[in-house]
Amino acid sequence: MKAISSFTRLVSLLTFVAACAVPLVAAHAEGTVRIVDQYGVGSLLLKVAKDQKLIEKEGARAGLNIDVQWTTLSGGAAVNEALLSGAADIATLGIGPLMTIWDRTRGHQDFRAMSAQSAVPVYLVSNEPRIHSIADIGEKDRIAVVSVAVSQQGRLLQMASAKAFGQSEYARLDRFEVNMPHADATTAMLAGSSVIDLHFSNAPYQYQELDDPRIHKVIGSTDILGGPATSSVAVTSGKWRKDNPRTYAAVRAALADAARLIQSNRPQAAAIYIRQDASKLSEQFV
């Protein structure tokens, strides 16, 4: 009986130790990363990393088998929601949504940029001949953006409004904004749709629109900011970085690999963009 009782206690102790160990391992599990990119050239580094399996290759070099799960979304608001809900570990964001999620998560999740991705300027364009500046935008006009007010383009419009009309009028143009994916807005602009007559776009969509003589540039991010600036970044949380240091390092190294490929082989980078975004643009245009 004593032998059975001792054995039972031993089994119970081992079961307890195992139960305590499981959450510890799960909390610091390495080798899985869920990434959200967005449509457009601003996510090109991640698109190249996806296409060429650069994260997996960097993981293998470090002796780590990494499972990379990809999703593509449109707009900073949707991407922020994916990050905040825990549905994504790393994502592409514009600077406006980055500031929003950084401010909301200080002291707990601590979302921050892990890498710049693009410094391509973004343009507000119009197919309405009377609109030459934001002062010409009136009650009947509608501006397509991917996320009203909180997107990178929405924040830039607020900065431009503050400069043009005074600090207290920074949100003056918010009521004219409508949510619309860049691809849909581009189609509407080129078709002359009455739904919108302005689009605060990004690459390559703004260049498609400006190829049409009926569409002109109203203002751009370089005009608003006074010079070039980072426009999109890869973002993750301080918690995920702490819990997954080897996977984080592999993603960082893969982004550097992607940058080198883009700089050394632009035709290949253009082909990757077309493939990953299912674009109908020519390689030469991209």
Protein backbone atom coordinates (compact mmCIF):
# COMPACT_ATOMS: atom_id res chain seq x y z
CA MET A 1 0.00 0.00 0.00
CA LYS A 2 2.87 2.37 0.85
CA ALA A 3 4.50 1.61 -2.52
CA ILE A 4 1.23 2.35 -4.36
CA SER A 5 0.70 5.53 -2.35
CA SER A 6 4.24 6.74 -3.05
CA PHE A 7 3.83 5.98 -6.75
CA THR A 8 0.52 7.89 -6.84
CA ARG A 9 2.10 10.92 -5.17
CA LEU A 10 5.01 10.79 -7.64
CA VAL A 11 2.65 10.66 -10.63
CA SER A 12 0.64 13.57 -9.20
CA LEU A 13 3.82 15.60 -8.69
CA LEU A 14 5.03 14.93 -12.23
CA THR A 15 1.62 15.84 -13.64
CA PHE A 16 1.64 19.11 -11.69
CA VAL A 17 5.15 19.97 -12.90
CA ALA A 18 4.18 19.19 -16.51
CA ALA A 19 1.03 21.31 -16.23
CA CYS A 20 3.06 24.25 -14.95
CA ALA A 21 5.64 23.84 -17.72
CA VAL A 22 3.19 23.88 -20.65
CA PRO A 23 2.13 27.57 -20.42
CA LEU A 24 5.76 28.61 -20.03
CA VAL A 25 6.71 26.83 -23.26
CA ALA A 26 3.65 28.15 -25.12
CA ALA A 27 4.32 31.74 -24.04
CA HIS A 28 7.83 31.62 -25.47
CA ALA A 29 7.22 29.37 -28.47
CA GLU A 30 9.45 30.27 -31.39
CA GLY A 31 8.99 29.55 -35.05
CA THR A 32 5.54 30.93 -35.96
CA VAL A 33 4.76 34.43 -37.22
CA ARG A 34 1.53 35.89 -38.63
CA ILE A 35 2.14 38.81 -40.97
CA VAL A 36 -0.29 41.29 -42.54
CA ASP A 37 0.80 43.36 -45.52
CA GLN A 38 -1.20 45.93 -47.49
CA TYR A 39 -1.80 46.48 -51.19
CA GLY A 40 0.69 48.76 -52.91
CA VAL A 41 4.41 49.36 -53.20
CA GLY A 42 4.61 50.48 -49.56
CA SER A 43 4.63 46.80 -48.53
CA LEU A 44 7.19 45.74 -51.12
CA LEU A 45 9.82 44.56 -48.62
CA LEU A 46 7.36 42.14 -47.05
CA LYS A 47 6.04 41.09 -50.45
CA VAL A 48 9.57 40.20 -51.56
CA ALA A 49 10.20 38.35 -48.29
CA LYS A 50 6.99 36.38 -48.85
CA ASP A 51 7.64 35.60 -52.50
CA GLN A 52 11.24 34.52 -51.98
CA LYS A 53 10.60 32.80 -48.60
CA LEU A 54 13.33 34.95 -47.06
CA ILE A 55 12.05 34.60 -43.49
CA GLU A 56 12.09 30.83 -43.75
CA LYS A 57 15.61 30.94 -45.21
CA GLU A 58 16.90 33.22 -42.45
CA GLY A 59 15.30 30.98 -39.86
CA ALA A 60 16.96 27.91 -41.37
CA ARG A 61 20.34 29.64 -41.20
CA ALA A 62 19.75 30.13 -37.48
CA GLY A 63 18.58 26.54 -37.01
CA LEU A 64 14.91 27.52 -36.65
CA ASN A 65 12.01 26.18 -38.70
CA ILE A 66 9.63 29.14 -39.12
CA ASP A 67 6.00 28.82 -40.17
CA VAL A 68 5.03 32.15 -41.80
CA GLN A 69 1.31 32.88 -42.21
CA TRP A 70 0.33 35.75 -44.53
CA THR A 71 -2.75 37.96 -44.90
CA THR A 72 -3.30 41.08 -47.03
CA LEU A 73 -5.63 43.84 -45.79
CA SER A 74 -6.53 47.34 -46.97
CA GLY A 75 -6.16 50.33 -44.65
CA GLY A 76 -4.47 51.15 -41.37
CA ALA A 77 -7.66 50.81 -39.30
CA ALA A 78 -8.17 47.18 -40.36
CA VAL A 79 -4.49 46.38 -39.82
CA ASN A 80 -4.46 47.99 -36.37
CA GLU A 81 -7.49 45.91 -35.42
CA ALA A 82 -5.68 42.74 -36.50
CA LEU A 83 -2.66 43.67 -34.38
CA LEU A 84 -4.67 44.72 -31.31
CA SER A 85 -6.85 41.60 -31.42
CA GLY A 86 -3.83 39.31 -31.59
CA ALA A 87 -4.68 38.07 -35.09
CA ALA A 88 -1.34 39.37 -36.43
CA ASP A 89 2.19 39.61 -35.02
CA ILE A 90 3.76 41.90 -37.64
CA ALA A 91 2.11 44.24 -40.14
CA THR A 92 2.65 47.07 -42.60
CA LEU A 93 1.38 50.44 -41.40
CA GLY A 94 1.62 54.05 -42.48
CA ILE A 95 3.03 56.53 -40.00
CA GLY A 96 -0.43 57.83 -38.97
CA PRO A 97 -1.80 54.42 -37.89
CA LEU A 98 1.58 53.65 -36.27
CA MET A 99 1.26 56.73 -34.07
CA THR A 100 -2.30 55.69 -33.17
CA ILE A 101 -1.41 52.13 -32.12
CA TRP A 102 1.79 53.26 -30.36
CA ASP A 103 -0.21 55.74 -28.30
CA ARG A 104 -2.94 53.22 -27.42
CA THR A 105 -0.57 50.45 -26.30
CA ARG A 106 2.15 52.23 -24.34
CA GLY A 107 2.89 50.37 -21.13
CA HIS A 108 1.27 47.06 -22.17
CA GLN A 109 1.56 45.67 -25.74
CA ASP A 110 3.98 48.46 -26.76
CA PHE A 111 3.60 48.41 -30.55
CA ARG A 112 6.51 50.02 -32.35
CA ALA A 113 8.14 50.12 -35.78
CA MET A 114 10.72 47.40 -36.35
CA SER A 115 11.78 48.58 -39.81
CA ALA A 116 11.08 51.26 -42.38
CA GLN A 117 9.70 49.89 -45.65
CA SER A 118 9.14 52.83 -47.96
CA ALA A 119 9.75 56.56 -48.40
CA VAL A 120 7.60 56.90 -51.53
CA PRO A 121 5.57 60.16 -51.39
CA VAL A 122 1.79 59.94 -51.46
CA TYR A 123 -0.39 62.27 -53.55
CA LEU A 124 -3.85 63.79 -53.30
CA VAL A 125 -5.15 63.77 -56.88
CA SER A 126 -8.37 65.06 -58.44
CA ASN A 127 -10.33 64.71 -61.67
CA GLU A 128 -12.18 67.98 -60.97
CA PRO A 129 -10.55 70.88 -62.92
CA ARG A 130 -11.61 73.56 -60.41
CA ILE A 131 -9.68 71.94 -57.53
CA HIS A 132 -6.09 73.19 -57.42
CA SER A 133 -5.56 73.28 -53.65
CA ILE A 134 -7.30 71.97 -50.54
CA ALA A 135 -8.95 75.40 -50.18
CA ASP A 136 -10.99 74.55 -53.31
CA ILE A 137 -12.55 71.44 -51.73
CA GLY A 138 -16.24 72.07 -51.00
CA GLU A 139 -19.39 70.43 -49.71
CA LYS A 140 -20.07 68.46 -52.88
CA ASP A 141 -16.59 66.93 -53.06
CA ARG A 142 -15.59 63.53 -51.73
CA ILE A 143 -12.04 62.32 -50.98
CA ALA A 144 -11.31 58.59 -51.11
CA VAL A 145 -8.96 57.32 -48.38
CA VAL A 146 -8.42 53.80 -47.05
CA SER A 147 -9.41 54.81 -43.48
CA VAL A 148 -11.17 58.09 -42.71
CA ALA A 149 -9.08 60.45 -40.53
CA VAL A 150 -6.78 57.80 -39.00
CA SER A 151 -4.99 56.62 -42.17
CA GLN A 152 -1.65 58.08 -43.16
CA GLN A 153 -3.44 60.10 -45.84
CA GLY A 154 -6.10 61.23 -43.38
CA ARG A 155 -3.47 62.49 -40.95
CA LEU A 156 -1.64 64.29 -43.76
CA LEU A 157 -4.88 66.05 -44.72
CA GLN A 158 -5.26 67.16 -41.11
CA MET A 159 -1.72 68.56 -41.13
CA ALA A 160 -2.37 70.36 -44.41
CA SER A 161 -5.65 71.77 -43.05
CA ALA A 162 -3.94 73.03 -39.90
CA LYS A 163 -1.35 74.84 -42.03
CA ALA A 164 -3.92 76.29 -44.44
CA PHE A 165 -6.80 77.17 -42.12
CA GLY A 166 -5.32 77.28 -38.59
CA GLN A 167 -4.64 74.68 -35.92
CA SER A 168 -8.23 74.61 -34.67
CA GLU A 169 -9.38 73.69 -38.19
CA TYR A 170 -7.16 70.59 -38.52
CA ALA A 171 -10.21 68.29 -38.97
CA ARG A 172 -11.93 70.57 -41.49
CA LEU A 173 -11.71 68.06 -44.38
CA ASP A 174 -12.51 64.89 -42.39
CA ARG A 175 -16.22 65.09 -43.26
CA PHE A 176 -15.44 64.92 -46.97
CA GLU A 177 -13.50 61.65 -46.66
CA VAL A 178 -14.96 58.26 -47.59
CA ASN A 179 -13.49 54.81 -46.94
CA MET A 180 -12.45 53.10 -50.17
CA PRO A 181 -9.62 50.67 -51.03
CA HIS A 182 -6.99 52.27 -53.27
CA ALA A 183 -7.70 49.91 -56.18
CA ASP A 184 -11.44 50.67 -56.11
CA ALA A 185 -10.80 54.41 -55.79
CA THR A 186 -8.41 54.32 -58.74
CA THR A 187 -11.01 52.56 -60.87
CA ALA A 188 -13.62 55.15 -59.87
CA MET A 189 -11.30 58.07 -60.62
CA LEU A 190 -10.33 56.76 -64.04
CA ALA A 191 -13.97 56.06 -64.88
CA GLY A 192 -15.01 59.58 -63.88
CA SER A 193 -17.43 58.24 -61.27
CA SER A 194 -19.57 60.78 -59.44
CA VAL A 195 -18.98 58.99 -56.12
CA ILE A 196 -15.55 60.63 -55.58
CA ASP A 197 -13.61 63.41 -57.27
CA LEU A 198 -10.44 63.22 -55.17
CA HIS A 199 -8.26 60.33 -54.05
CA PHE A 200 -5.42 60.49 -51.50
CA SER A 201 -3.56 57.56 -52.94
CA ASN A 202 -0.19 55.79 -52.86
CA ALA A 203 2.10 54.00 -55.31
CA PRO A 204 1.44 52.57 -57.85
CA TYR A 205 -2.19 53.78 -57.92
CA GLN A 206 -1.41 57.52 -57.92
CA TYR A 207 0.85 57.07 -60.95
CA GLN A 208 -1.86 55.16 -62.82
CA GLU A 209 -4.23 58.04 -62.16
CA LEU A 210 -1.75 60.73 -63.19
CA ASP A 211 -1.22 58.93 -66.50
CA ASP A 212 -4.75 60.11 -67.35
CA PRO A 213 -4.70 63.75 -68.58
CA ARG A 214 -8.03 64.38 -66.81
CA ILE A 215 -6.41 63.80 -63.40
CA HIS A 216 -3.94 66.14 -61.71
CA LYS A 217 -1.99 66.34 -58.47
CA VAL A 218 -3.40 68.71 -55.82
CA ILE A 219 -0.85 68.23 -53.03
CA GLY A 220 1.60 65.59 -51.85
CA SER A 221 3.16 64.39 -48.61
CA THR A 222 6.48 66.07 -49.47
CA ASP A 223 4.68 69.42 -49.81
CA ILE A 224 2.88 68.94 -46.49
CA LEU A 225 5.88 67.68 -44.51
CA GLY A 226 8.46 69.98 -46.11
CA GLY A 227 10.61 67.13 -47.43
CA PRO A 228 10.82 63.37 -47.93
CA ALA A 229 9.85 61.06 -45.06
CA THR A 230 9.28 57.42 -44.25
CA SER A 231 5.78 56.53 -45.40
CA SER A 232 5.33 52.90 -44.35
CA VAL A 233 6.87 50.68 -41.70
CA ALA A 234 6.78 47.11 -40.42
CA VAL A 235 5.28 47.07 -36.92
CA THR A 236 5.26 44.59 -34.04
CA SER A 237 4.70 44.63 -30.29
CA GLY A 238 7.36 44.73 -27.62
CA LYS A 239 5.78 41.62 -26.10
CA TRP A 240 6.02 39.58 -29.31
CA ARG A 241 9.61 40.67 -29.81
CA LYS A 242 10.50 39.65 -26.24
CA ASP A 243 8.74 36.29 -26.51
CA ASN A 244 10.14 35.46 -29.98
CA PRO A 245 13.67 36.90 -30.22
CA ARG A 246 14.97 34.39 -32.78
CA THR A 247 11.92 34.69 -35.04
CA TYR A 248 12.06 38.49 -34.73
CA ALA A 249 15.73 38.45 -35.72
CA ALA A 250 14.94 36.27 -38.75
CA VAL A 251 12.22 38.69 -39.92
CA ARG A 252 14.58 41.67 -39.51
CA ALA A 253 17.29 39.88 -41.49
CA ALA A 254 14.76 38.93 -44.19
CA LEU A 255 13.68 42.56 -44.59
CA ALA A 256 17.34 43.52 -45.11
CA ASP A 257 17.66 40.71 -47.67
CA ALA A 258 14.55 42.02 -49.45
CA ALA A 259 15.97 45.55 -49.57
CA ARG A 260 19.18 44.27 -51.17
CA LEU A 261 17.22 42.31 -53.79
CA ILE A 262 15.09 45.36 -54.68
CA GLN A 263 18.14 47.61 -54.99
CA SER A 264 20.12 45.12 -57.08
CA ASN A 265 17.36 43.79 -59.36
CA ARG A 266 14.50 46.19 -60.01
CA PRO A 267 12.90 44.11 -62.80
CA GLN A 268 12.70 41.10 -60.46
CA ALA A 269 11.27 43.29 -57.69
CA ALA A 270 8.64 44.66 -60.10
CA ALA A 271 7.71 41.13 -61.19
CA ILE A 272 7.36 40.11 -57.53
CA TYR A 273 5.08 43.07 -56.82
CA ILE A 274 2.87 42.22 -59.81
CA ARG A 275 2.70 38.57 -58.75
CA GLN A 276 1.96 39.22 -55.08
CA ASP A 277 -0.68 41.93 -55.65
CA ALA A 278 -2.15 40.17 -58.71
CA SER A 279 -1.60 43.46 -60.56
CA LYS A 280 -2.30 43.96 -64.25
CA LEU A 281 0.37 46.65 -64.55
CA SER A 282 3.41 46.13 -66.74
CA GLU A 283 6.83 45.50 -65.21
CA GLN A 284 8.12 48.63 -66.94
CA PHE A 285 5.42 50.80 -65.32
CA VAL A 286 6.05 49.34 -61.84
